[in-house]
């Protein structure tokens, strides 16, 4: 289809959203469950030093994401937009230009990886027993990430097409197979190198599946003739702000392990990562929900549906809050017991890290829809500048505070700037763009989630007062009454406030009345 052709057949956005969110949460449930039980297994098999080195290597190579230059988000944006308008000619040019750009980046990163593997032991406190292993680990992980740049393009295309359920199916299969191989390998005496090879292989295999699915659902041509400067300028123009946000994200969440590795030890990285990992899980839950709003908001923006954007802004953030608030309450109230059960009482000091990070990330995650909308409507430049300043403040504060407070200082260095962004920038900025009064947004998005979370927290506090959980079964006994209370609240909200729920309840009551009338006759 060339420019000017009719757009692709629209789909029902509600059905699409339900399919995408449902499959995303299923994939995330598998991810969290596997990661939750696999992490202590790996920790105890490898030991504190080896596990800390593993975290350090992946944190270092995580900075390779900076070289993305925002191209991935550009792909999601333009695939969604151009398939809506039916401009397949320009879409082919965007995709082919992106693939070439990613291929050049991959070659450059392979060179960087070769150099980095030579100096990693000079820059960080690598345990003496792993001086020979650390360069090899860096070489393996860095090379796989470099190759995933051009291959990962196809996952971005599937996101733009809102085929999240395909992505999630592949993710579920990949995670389960990878976990099984890791358990088998470590039980048979495998070490860091084996663990790393298994870990990096599955993203590459998943990319092959993504390629096959893209070729099936969007059979666009590939070739050098579709690469042009105009498309490259579009990539850079949209991606420049995204690149700043990627830099900020690395400064926010990837620098912690590096700062600790430079000033403390790999064992300290392990202690910090336990608390931060428990915070990452609920953050991932919310992000899996919010990711669908980027292509959806792009569609609304393409058709000029500002009212649809406003409704998405409020309803999406309310859904994020309904998800993150109870998880935050559970981690604050039952976090110490969870750490003791999960990895053992030896690591209870990680609870302080958990407590500091979970409060700040909850404030930010409750507004996850806001950032996705900004990407979808190409209004993310101001966000980029703000989060870049936040990331720089994070790095500076962490370096200063680690000298006095150790890993607690690093956690505070992350939490303080993130809290400021969440309170003083995001709600004001989005309300100004979408022309919604701040008080109206806060009331409609967060009043009900807070009200539903209050009895949940009371139930957890009561159960914690009754007994101290020392097993997963006891922990679930503590969590159960609160979950029941919160579940009842969610059902009440759905059947009294949501249009679909009200319609279902109305039909149900009508059925009861008709049944009663039939019996009376």
Protein backbone atom coordinates (compact mmCIF):
# COMPACT_ATOMS: atom_id res chain seq x y z
CA UNK A 1 0.00 0.00 0.00
CA UNK A 2 1.49 3.37 -0.92
CA UNK A 3 1.00 6.82 0.45
CA UNK A 4 -2.56 7.97 0.16
CA UNK A 5 -4.03 4.48 0.27
CA UNK A 6 -6.83 3.81 2.71
CA UNK A 7 -5.74 3.05 6.27
CA UNK A 8 -5.66 -0.43 7.69
CA UNK A 9 -8.90 -1.76 9.12
CA UNK A 10 -9.36 -0.38 12.65
CA UNK A 11 -9.73 -2.72 15.56
CA UNK A 12 -11.85 -2.47 18.68
CA UNK A 13 -9.53 -0.68 21.09
CA UNK A 14 -11.21 -2.06 24.21
CA UNK A 15 -10.89 -5.65 23.02
CA UNK A 16 -7.32 -4.97 21.92
CA UNK A 17 -6.50 -3.45 25.31
CA UNK A 18 -8.01 -6.38 27.21
CA UNK A 19 -6.05 -8.89 25.11
CA UNK A 20 -2.81 -6.96 25.48
CA UNK A 21 -3.11 -6.26 29.21
CA UNK A 22 -4.29 -9.79 29.96
CA UNK A 23 -1.41 -11.40 28.08
CA UNK A 24 1.07 -8.89 29.52
CA UNK A 25 0.02 -9.69 33.05
CA UNK A 26 0.14 -13.41 32.37
CA UNK A 27 3.67 -13.02 31.00
CA UNK A 28 4.62 -10.85 33.92
CA UNK A 29 3.17 -13.30 36.42
CA UNK A 30 5.38 -15.98 34.92
CA UNK A 31 8.37 -13.60 34.89
CA UNK A 32 7.91 -12.54 38.51
CA UNK A 33 7.22 -16.06 39.77
CA UNK A 34 10.24 -17.51 37.99
CA UNK A 35 12.49 -14.61 38.94
CA UNK A 36 11.31 -14.61 42.53
CA UNK A 37 12.13 -18.25 43.13
CA UNK A 38 15.13 -18.40 40.79
CA UNK A 39 17.00 -15.43 42.31
CA UNK A 40 17.65 -17.01 45.74
CA UNK A 41 18.51 -20.31 44.04
CA UNK A 42 21.17 -18.61 41.91
CA UNK A 43 22.39 -16.55 44.89
CA UNK A 44 22.92 -19.57 47.12
CA UNK A 45 24.47 -21.63 44.30
CA UNK A 46 26.95 -18.93 43.28
CA UNK A 47 27.61 -17.10 46.56
CA UNK A 48 27.59 -13.38 47.36
CA UNK A 49 30.72 -12.43 45.39
CA UNK A 50 29.86 -14.29 42.19
CA UNK A 51 26.24 -13.10 42.28
CA UNK A 52 27.37 -9.52 42.84
CA UNK A 53 29.77 -9.78 39.87
CA UNK A 54 26.92 -11.12 37.71
CA UNK A 55 24.77 -8.10 38.66
CA UNK A 56 27.70 -5.75 37.99
CA UNK A 57 28.34 -7.11 34.47
CA UNK A 58 24.68 -6.81 33.47
CA UNK A 59 24.56 -3.30 34.96
CA UNK A 60 27.59 -2.25 32.94
CA UNK A 61 26.28 -3.67 29.67
CA UNK A 62 22.89 -2.16 30.47
CA UNK A 63 24.48 1.14 29.44
CA UNK A 64 24.58 -0.15 25.88
CA UNK A 65 20.93 0.88 25.80
CA UNK A 66 22.18 4.46 25.49
CA UNK A 67 23.24 3.70 21.93
CA UNK A 68 19.63 3.02 21.00
CA UNK A 69 19.34 6.78 20.42
CA UNK A 70 15.57 6.51 20.91
CA UNK A 71 15.11 4.51 17.69
CA UNK A 72 13.05 1.77 19.38
CA UNK A 73 10.43 4.23 20.66
CA UNK A 74 10.41 5.90 17.24
CA UNK A 75 9.58 2.56 15.63
CA UNK A 76 6.66 2.01 18.02
CA UNK A 77 5.36 5.52 17.35
CA UNK A 78 5.60 5.46 13.55
CA UNK A 79 4.44 1.87 13.05
CA UNK A 80 1.31 2.72 15.04
CA UNK A 81 0.79 6.03 13.25
CA UNK A 82 1.58 4.95 9.68
CA UNK A 83 -0.45 1.74 9.84
CA UNK A 84 -3.37 3.87 11.04
CA UNK A 85 -3.00 6.32 8.13
CA UNK A 86 -2.13 3.59 5.60
CA UNK A 87 1.24 5.05 4.50
CA UNK A 88 3.10 1.78 3.89
CA UNK A 89 5.70 3.38 1.64
CA UNK A 90 6.99 5.65 4.40
CA UNK A 91 6.68 2.81 6.90
CA UNK A 92 9.02 0.67 4.77
CA UNK A 93 11.54 3.50 4.69
CA UNK A 94 11.39 4.01 8.45
CA UNK A 95 11.88 0.31 9.17
CA UNK A 96 14.71 -0.22 6.66
CA UNK A 97 16.53 2.92 7.78
CA UNK A 98 16.20 1.80 11.40
CA UNK A 99 17.56 -1.65 10.60
CA UNK A 100 20.64 -0.21 8.91
CA UNK A 101 21.20 2.22 11.79
CA UNK A 102 20.95 -0.59 14.32
CA UNK A 103 23.35 -2.75 12.32
CA UNK A 104 26.01 -0.02 12.35
CA UNK A 105 25.47 0.38 16.10
CA UNK A 106 25.88 -3.37 16.62
CA UNK A 107 29.28 -3.39 14.92
CA UNK A 108 30.40 -0.39 16.99
CA UNK A 109 29.29 -2.04 20.23
CA UNK A 110 31.16 -5.23 19.41
CA UNK A 111 34.33 -3.12 19.29
CA UNK A 112 33.43 -1.43 22.58
CA UNK A 113 32.82 -4.84 24.15
CA UNK A 114 36.22 -6.14 23.07
CA UNK A 115 37.92 -3.12 24.64
CA UNK A 116 35.78 -3.21 27.80
CA UNK A 117 36.59 -6.84 28.47
CA UNK A 118 40.25 -5.84 28.76
CA UNK A 119 39.76 -3.18 31.47
CA UNK A 120 36.82 -4.30 33.61
CA UNK A 121 39.07 -5.67 36.35
CA UNK A 122 40.98 -2.37 36.46
CA UNK A 123 37.91 -0.20 37.02
CA UNK A 124 35.95 -2.23 39.57
CA UNK A 125 36.56 -4.31 42.69
CA UNK A 126 36.49 -7.71 41.01
CA UNK A 127 37.00 -10.57 43.53
CA UNK A 128 40.44 -12.20 43.03
CA UNK A 129 38.87 -15.59 42.28
CA UNK A 130 37.04 -14.10 39.27
CA UNK A 131 39.77 -12.00 37.63
CA UNK A 132 39.84 -14.32 34.62
CA UNK A 133 36.07 -14.87 34.53
CA UNK A 134 34.97 -11.22 34.60
CA UNK A 135 36.40 -10.29 31.13
CA UNK A 136 34.78 -13.36 29.56
CA UNK A 137 31.41 -12.56 31.14
CA UNK A 138 31.60 -9.00 29.83
CA UNK A 139 32.49 -10.25 26.35
CA UNK A 140 29.56 -12.69 26.25
CA UNK A 141 26.92 -10.31 27.58
CA UNK A 142 28.14 -7.29 25.60
CA UNK A 143 28.22 -9.21 22.31
CA UNK A 144 24.71 -10.58 22.76
CA UNK A 145 23.30 -7.13 23.54
CA UNK A 146 25.04 -5.69 20.48
CA UNK A 147 23.45 -8.31 18.23
CA UNK A 148 20.06 -7.66 19.80
CA UNK A 149 20.01 -4.10 18.47
CA UNK A 150 19.16 -4.96 14.85
CA UNK A 151 17.25 -8.10 15.85
CA UNK A 152 15.25 -6.26 18.52
CA UNK A 153 13.81 -3.94 15.87
CA UNK A 154 11.12 -6.51 15.14
CA UNK A 155 9.84 -6.54 18.72
CA UNK A 156 9.35 -2.78 18.39
CA UNK A 157 7.35 -3.32 15.20
CA UNK A 158 5.07 -5.79 17.00
CA UNK A 159 4.55 -3.23 19.80
CA UNK A 160 3.59 -0.61 17.23
CA UNK A 161 1.10 -3.07 15.77
CA UNK A 162 -0.21 -3.65 19.33
CA UNK A 163 0.54 -7.37 19.02
CA UNK A 164 1.61 -7.56 22.64
CA UNK A 165 -0.01 -10.97 23.05
CA UNK A 166 2.45 -12.44 20.52
CA UNK A 167 5.37 -10.86 22.31
CA UNK A 168 4.10 -12.13 25.62
CA UNK A 169 3.61 -15.69 24.40
CA UNK A 170 7.21 -15.82 23.21
CA UNK A 171 8.36 -14.29 26.48
CA UNK A 172 6.54 -16.91 28.56
CA UNK A 173 8.03 -19.81 26.60
CA UNK A 174 11.49 -18.25 26.73
CA UNK A 175 11.42 -17.61 30.48
CA UNK A 176 10.24 -21.09 31.38
CA UNK A 177 12.82 -22.81 29.17
CA UNK A 178 15.61 -20.55 30.40
CA UNK A 179 14.72 -21.15 34.06
CA UNK A 180 14.66 -24.92 33.54
CA UNK A 181 18.08 -24.89 31.87
CA UNK A 182 19.56 -22.68 34.61
CA UNK A 183 18.34 -25.00 37.36
CA UNK A 184 19.67 -28.07 35.56
CA UNK A 185 23.01 -26.43 34.78
CA UNK A 186 23.68 -25.09 38.29
CA UNK A 187 22.60 -28.35 39.92
CA UNK A 188 25.15 -30.14 37.73
CA UNK A 189 27.97 -27.85 38.82
CA UNK A 190 27.76 -25.12 36.21
CA UNK A 191 29.10 -21.71 37.14
CA UNK A 192 28.92 -18.08 36.09
CA UNK A 193 29.89 -18.64 32.46
CA UNK A 194 27.26 -21.34 31.93
CA UNK A 195 24.62 -19.24 33.65
CA UNK A 196 25.48 -16.25 31.45
CA UNK A 197 25.43 -18.22 28.21
CA UNK A 198 21.97 -19.56 29.00
CA UNK A 199 20.71 -16.11 30.01
CA UNK A 200 21.85 -14.30 26.85
CA UNK A 201 20.87 -17.01 24.37
CA UNK A 202 17.11 -16.76 24.81
CA UNK A 203 16.69 -13.08 23.84
CA UNK A 204 18.45 -13.91 20.56
CA UNK A 205 16.17 -16.89 19.95
CA UNK A 206 13.11 -14.78 20.81
CA UNK A 207 14.18 -12.21 18.23
CA UNK A 208 14.11 -14.90 15.53
CA UNK A 209 10.49 -15.64 16.44
CA UNK A 210 9.68 -11.91 16.32
CA UNK A 211 11.10 -11.70 12.80
CA UNK A 212 8.86 -14.55 11.61
CA UNK A 213 5.77 -12.94 13.15
CA UNK A 214 6.50 -9.53 11.64
CA UNK A 215 6.99 -11.02 8.20
CA UNK A 216 3.61 -12.70 8.57
CA UNK A 217 1.60 -9.72 9.83
CA UNK A 218 3.37 -6.84 8.04
CA UNK A 219 4.95 -8.12 4.80
CA UNK A 220 6.82 -4.94 3.91
CA UNK A 221 9.81 -5.05 1.53
CA UNK A 222 13.41 -4.86 2.75
CA UNK A 223 16.33 -3.48 0.75
CA UNK A 224 18.91 -0.70 0.47
CA UNK A 225 16.65 1.33 -1.84
CA UNK A 226 14.25 1.96 1.08
CA UNK A 227 16.94 3.61 3.20
CA UNK A 228 16.90 7.41 2.97
CA UNK A 229 18.11 10.51 4.80
CA UNK A 230 14.62 11.90 5.40
CA UNK A 231 13.63 8.83 7.39
CA UNK A 232 16.89 8.97 9.31
CA UNK A 233 16.19 12.60 10.24
CA UNK A 234 12.73 11.57 11.43
CA UNK A 235 14.28 8.87 13.61
CA UNK A 236 16.76 11.30 15.13
CA UNK A 237 14.20 14.09 15.56
CA UNK A 238 11.75 11.96 17.52
CA UNK A 239 14.43 9.83 19.16
CA UNK A 240 16.57 12.70 20.49
CA UNK A 241 14.27 13.32 23.44
CA UNK A 242 13.84 9.59 23.94
CA UNK A 243 17.62 9.22 24.02
CA UNK A 244 17.76 11.74 26.88
CA UNK A 245 15.16 9.69 28.74
CA UNK A 246 17.16 6.51 28.14
CA UNK A 247 20.25 8.22 29.56
CA UNK A 248 18.23 9.33 32.57
CA UNK A 249 16.86 5.82 33.09
CA UNK A 250 20.39 4.43 33.15
CA UNK A 251 21.47 7.12 35.61
CA UNK A 252 18.43 6.33 37.74
CA UNK A 253 18.59 2.58 37.98
CA UNK A 254 21.84 1.29 36.46
CA UNK A 255 24.32 3.48 38.32
CA UNK A 256 23.55 2.07 41.76
CA UNK A 257 25.45 -1.17 41.19
CA UNK A 258 28.33 0.73 39.55
CA UNK A 259 28.68 3.21 42.41
CA UNK A 260 28.60 0.40 44.96
CA UNK A 261 31.07 -1.62 42.90
CA UNK A 262 33.50 1.31 42.72
CA UNK A 263 33.29 2.43 46.35
CA UNK A 264 32.30 -0.72 48.27
CA UNK A 265 32.32 -4.35 47.09
CA UNK A 266 30.49 -6.93 44.99
CA UNK A 267 29.00 -8.39 48.19
CA UNK A 268 27.45 -4.99 48.92
CA UNK A 269 25.91 -5.05 45.43
CA UNK A 270 24.22 -8.33 46.36
CA UNK A 271 22.74 -6.84 49.54
CA UNK A 272 21.48 -3.79 47.66
CA UNK A 273 20.08 -5.82 44.76
CA UNK A 274 17.87 -7.93 47.05
CA UNK A 275 15.94 -4.88 48.22
CA UNK A 276 15.87 -3.23 44.80
CA UNK A 277 14.76 -6.41 43.04
CA UNK A 278 11.66 -6.65 45.24
CA UNK A 279 10.84 -3.11 44.13
CA UNK A 280 11.50 -3.92 40.47
CA UNK A 281 8.82 -6.62 40.40
CA UNK A 282 5.82 -4.32 41.10
CA UNK A 283 7.32 -1.68 38.84
CA UNK A 284 7.38 -4.21 36.02
CA UNK A 285 3.75 -5.11 36.76
CA UNK A 286 2.67 -1.52 36.25
CA UNK A 287 4.85 -0.99 33.19
CA UNK A 288 3.35 -4.08 31.56
CA UNK A 289 -0.05 -2.47 32.04
CA UNK A 290 1.00 0.99 30.88
CA UNK A 291 2.94 -0.06 27.76
CA UNK A 292 -0.26 -0.43 25.73
CA UNK A 293 -1.00 3.29 26.09
CA UNK A 294 1.82 4.49 23.81
CA UNK A 295 0.40 3.09 20.54
CA UNK A 296 -3.17 3.76 21.71
CA UNK A 297 -2.43 7.42 22.47
CA UNK A 298 -0.65 7.68 19.12
CA UNK A 299 -3.84 6.49 17.41
CA UNK A 300 -5.96 9.01 19.34
CA UNK A 301 -3.50 11.78 18.48
CA UNK A 302 -3.48 10.80 14.78
CA UNK A 303 -7.28 11.10 14.64
CA UNK A 304 -7.45 14.27 16.78
CA UNK A 305 -9.40 12.59 19.59
CA UNK A 306 -8.33 14.82 22.51
CA UNK A 307 -11.22 13.69 24.69
CA UNK A 308 -10.09 10.10 24.27
CA UNK A 309 -6.62 11.11 25.45
CA UNK A 310 -8.08 12.79 28.54
CA UNK A 311 -10.09 9.71 29.45
CA UNK A 312 -7.05 7.50 28.92
CA UNK A 313 -4.95 9.82 31.09
CA UNK A 314 -7.31 9.53 34.06
CA UNK A 315 -8.42 5.91 33.65
CA UNK A 316 -4.93 4.63 32.84
CA UNK A 317 -3.32 6.25 35.85
CA UNK A 318 -6.17 5.06 38.06
CA UNK A 319 -5.50 1.51 36.86
CA UNK A 320 -1.79 1.95 37.60
CA UNK A 321 -2.59 3.22 41.10
CA UNK A 322 -5.02 0.36 41.75
CA UNK A 323 -2.16 -1.99 40.87
CA UNK A 324 0.82 -0.39 42.63
CA UNK A 325 -0.76 0.93 45.87
CA UNK A 326 -1.61 -2.46 47.44
CA UNK A 327 1.75 -3.93 46.38
CA UNK A 328 3.53 -1.00 48.01
CA UNK A 329 1.51 -1.46 51.20
CA UNK A 330 2.28 -5.18 51.28
CA UNK A 331 6.02 -4.62 50.82
CA UNK A 332 6.16 -1.94 53.51
CA UNK A 333 4.16 -3.94 56.05
CA UNK A 334 5.34 -7.49 55.30
CA UNK A 335 8.68 -6.76 53.59
CA UNK A 336 10.91 -7.95 56.44
CA UNK A 337 9.16 -11.31 56.62
CA UNK A 338 9.29 -11.65 52.85
CA UNK A 339 13.07 -11.08 52.70
CA UNK A 340 13.66 -13.53 55.55
CA UNK A 341 11.60 -16.21 53.80
CA UNK A 342 12.93 -15.45 50.34
CA UNK A 343 16.72 -15.34 50.83
CA UNK A 344 17.23 -15.87 54.57
CA UNK A 345 17.67 -13.74 57.72
CA UNK A 346 21.27 -13.00 56.72
CA UNK A 347 19.95 -10.39 54.26
CA UNK A 348 17.40 -8.57 56.48
CA UNK A 349 19.45 -5.39 56.18
CA UNK A 350 18.05 -5.15 52.63
CA UNK A 351 14.68 -4.15 54.10
CA UNK A 352 15.93 -0.58 54.57
CA UNK A 353 16.78 -0.43 50.85
CA UNK A 354 13.36 -1.84 50.01
CA UNK A 355 11.60 0.72 52.20
CA UNK A 356 13.43 3.72 50.71
CA UNK A 357 12.99 2.67 47.10
CA UNK A 358 9.41 1.37 47.19
CA UNK A 359 7.88 4.64 48.37
CA UNK A 360 9.51 6.75 45.65
CA UNK A 361 8.90 4.25 42.85
CA UNK A 362 5.25 3.91 43.86
CA UNK A 363 4.71 7.63 43.37
CA UNK A 364 6.26 7.40 39.91
CA UNK A 365 4.65 4.12 38.86
CA UNK A 366 1.19 5.42 39.77
CA UNK A 367 1.69 7.87 36.87
CA UNK A 368 3.11 5.39 34.36
CA UNK A 369 0.33 6.16 31.87
CA UNK A 370 1.39 9.81 31.81
CA UNK A 371 4.83 9.08 30.41
CA UNK A 372 3.42 6.65 27.83
CA UNK A 373 0.97 9.29 26.59
CA UNK A 374 3.78 11.81 26.19
CA UNK A 375 5.62 9.34 23.97
CA UNK A 376 2.49 8.55 21.98
CA UNK A 377 1.71 12.19 21.18
CA UNK A 378 5.37 13.21 20.64
CA UNK A 379 5.37 15.63 23.59
CA UNK A 380 8.15 14.01 25.59
CA UNK A 381 10.92 16.59 25.15
CA UNK A 382 10.27 18.41 28.42
CA UNK A 383 10.01 15.05 30.20
CA UNK A 384 13.41 14.16 28.74
CA UNK A 385 15.05 17.30 30.13
CA UNK A 386 13.50 16.81 33.58
CA UNK A 387 14.40 13.15 33.97
CA UNK A 388 17.92 13.82 32.67
CA UNK A 389 18.42 16.37 35.45
CA UNK A 390 16.91 13.86 37.85
CA UNK A 391 19.29 11.14 36.68
CA UNK A 392 22.31 13.42 37.07
CA UNK A 393 21.15 14.38 40.57
CA UNK A 394 20.76 10.67 41.35
CA UNK A 395 24.36 9.96 40.35
CA UNK A 396 25.81 12.91 42.25
CA UNK A 397 23.81 12.22 45.41
CA UNK A 398 24.67 8.52 45.32
CA UNK A 399 28.40 9.22 45.02
CA UNK A 400 28.28 11.75 47.86
CA UNK A 401 26.06 9.74 50.22
CA UNK A 402 27.71 6.34 49.69
CA UNK A 403 30.80 7.65 51.48
CA UNK A 404 28.79 8.38 54.63
CA UNK A 405 25.81 6.01 54.58
CA UNK A 406 26.96 3.10 52.40
CA UNK A 407 24.22 1.39 50.38
CA UNK A 408 21.56 3.38 52.29
CA UNK A 409 23.07 6.52 50.79
CA UNK A 410 22.86 5.04 47.28
CA UNK A 411 19.18 4.23 47.83
CA UNK A 412 18.49 7.78 49.04
CA UNK A 413 20.36 9.14 46.03
CA UNK A 414 17.84 7.34 43.81
CA UNK A 415 14.72 8.03 45.86
CA UNK A 416 15.01 11.78 46.48
CA UNK A 417 15.19 12.99 42.82
CA UNK A 418 12.59 10.43 41.70
CA UNK A 419 10.16 11.67 44.35
CA UNK A 420 10.64 15.27 43.23
CA UNK A 421 9.85 14.36 39.60
CA UNK A 422 6.76 12.41 40.66
CA UNK A 423 5.31 15.17 42.83
CA UNK A 424 6.40 18.45 41.29
CA UNK A 425 6.54 17.73 37.55
CA UNK A 426 4.51 14.86 36.09
CA UNK A 427 0.95 15.66 37.28
CA UNK A 428 1.30 19.38 36.58
CA UNK A 429 2.82 18.88 33.14
CA UNK A 430 0.23 16.41 31.85
CA UNK A 431 -2.71 18.36 33.26
CA UNK A 432 -1.42 21.45 31.48
CA UNK A 433 -1.03 19.65 28.14
CA UNK A 434 -4.43 17.91 28.25
CA UNK A 435 -6.17 20.90 29.87
CA UNK A 436 -7.48 19.04 32.91
CA UNK A 437 -7.64 20.77 36.34
CA UNK A 438 -5.03 19.25 38.64
CA UNK A 439 -7.54 18.74 41.46
CA UNK A 440 -9.93 16.95 39.13
CA UNK A 441 -7.20 14.61 37.90
CA UNK A 442 -5.93 13.78 41.38
CA UNK A 443 -9.43 13.14 42.69
CA UNK A 444 -10.59 10.99 39.77
CA UNK A 445 -7.34 9.02 39.41
CA UNK A 446 -6.22 8.44 43.00
CA UNK A 447 -9.01 8.96 45.53
CA UNK A 448 -10.65 5.56 44.99
CA UNK A 449 -7.35 3.59 44.88
CA UNK A 450 -6.31 5.17 48.18
CA UNK A 451 -9.72 4.48 49.73
CA UNK A 452 -9.60 0.82 48.65
CA UNK A 453 -6.02 0.41 49.83
CA UNK A 454 -6.70 1.66 53.38
CA UNK A 455 -8.68 -1.40 54.61
CA UNK A 456 -6.16 -3.63 52.82
CA UNK A 457 -3.33 -2.09 54.85
CA UNK A 458 -5.32 -2.40 58.09
CA UNK A 459 -5.91 -6.10 57.41
CA UNK A 460 -2.20 -6.69 56.79
CA UNK A 461 -1.21 -4.86 59.97
CA UNK A 462 -3.67 -6.92 61.95
CA UNK A 463 -2.36 -10.20 60.56
CA UNK A 464 1.25 -9.18 61.17
CA UNK A 465 0.35 -8.40 64.77
CA UNK A 466 -1.11 -11.89 65.21
CA UNK A 467 1.98 -13.85 64.15
CA UNK A 468 5.37 -13.60 62.44
CA UNK A 469 5.51 -15.38 59.07
CA UNK A 470 8.47 -17.75 58.68
CA UNK A 471 7.32 -19.77 55.66
CA UNK A 472 5.64 -18.99 52.35
CA UNK A 473 2.45 -20.63 53.61
CA UNK A 474 2.36 -18.39 56.68
CA UNK A 475 3.13 -15.37 54.52
CA UNK A 476 0.15 -16.18 52.29
CA UNK A 477 -2.01 -16.55 55.40
CA UNK A 478 -1.02 -13.02 56.37
CA UNK A 479 -1.63 -11.69 52.88
CA UNK A 480 -4.89 -13.57 52.26
CA UNK A 481 -7.39 -11.52 54.33
CA UNK A 482 -6.04 -8.26 52.93
CA UNK A 483 -6.22 -9.59 49.38
CA UNK A 484 -9.81 -10.68 49.98
CA UNK A 485 -10.76 -7.24 51.29
CA UNK A 486 -9.09 -5.53 48.34
CA UNK A 487 -10.65 -7.93 45.85
CA UNK A 488 -14.13 -7.16 47.16
CA UNK A 489 -13.35 -3.46 46.80
CA UNK A 490 -12.25 -3.93 43.19
CA UNK A 491 -15.45 -5.82 42.36
CA UNK A 492 -17.51 -3.03 43.93
CA UNK A 493 -15.60 -0.47 41.86
CA UNK A 494 -16.05 -2.45 38.65
CA UNK A 495 -19.78 -3.05 39.02
CA UNK A 496 -20.67 0.45 40.24
CA UNK A 497 -18.26 2.79 38.43
CA UNK A 498 -17.13 1.15 35.18
CA UNK A 499 -19.48 1.18 32.17
CA UNK A 500 -18.84 -2.47 31.29
CA UNK A 501 -19.39 -3.55 34.89
CA UNK A 502 -22.57 -1.52 35.26
CA UNK A 503 -23.92 -3.07 32.08
CA UNK A 504 -23.08 -6.59 33.29
CA UNK A 505 -24.67 -5.94 36.68
CA UNK A 506 -27.80 -4.51 35.06
CA UNK A 507 -28.17 -7.58 32.86
CA UNK A 508 -27.61 -9.86 35.85
CA UNK A 509 -30.28 -8.14 37.98
CA UNK A 510 -32.70 -8.18 35.04
CA UNK A 511 -32.10 -11.90 34.67
CA UNK A 512 -32.85 -12.42 38.37
CA UNK A 513 -36.07 -10.40 38.15
CA UNK A 514 -37.17 -12.27 35.04
CA UNK A 515 -36.36 -15.61 36.68
CA UNK A 516 -38.31 -14.65 39.79
CA UNK A 517 -41.30 -13.57 37.68
CA UNK A 518 -41.20 -16.84 35.71
CA UNK A 519 -41.18 -18.89 38.94
CA UNK A 520 -44.10 -16.87 40.36
CA UNK A 521 -46.15 -17.67 37.25
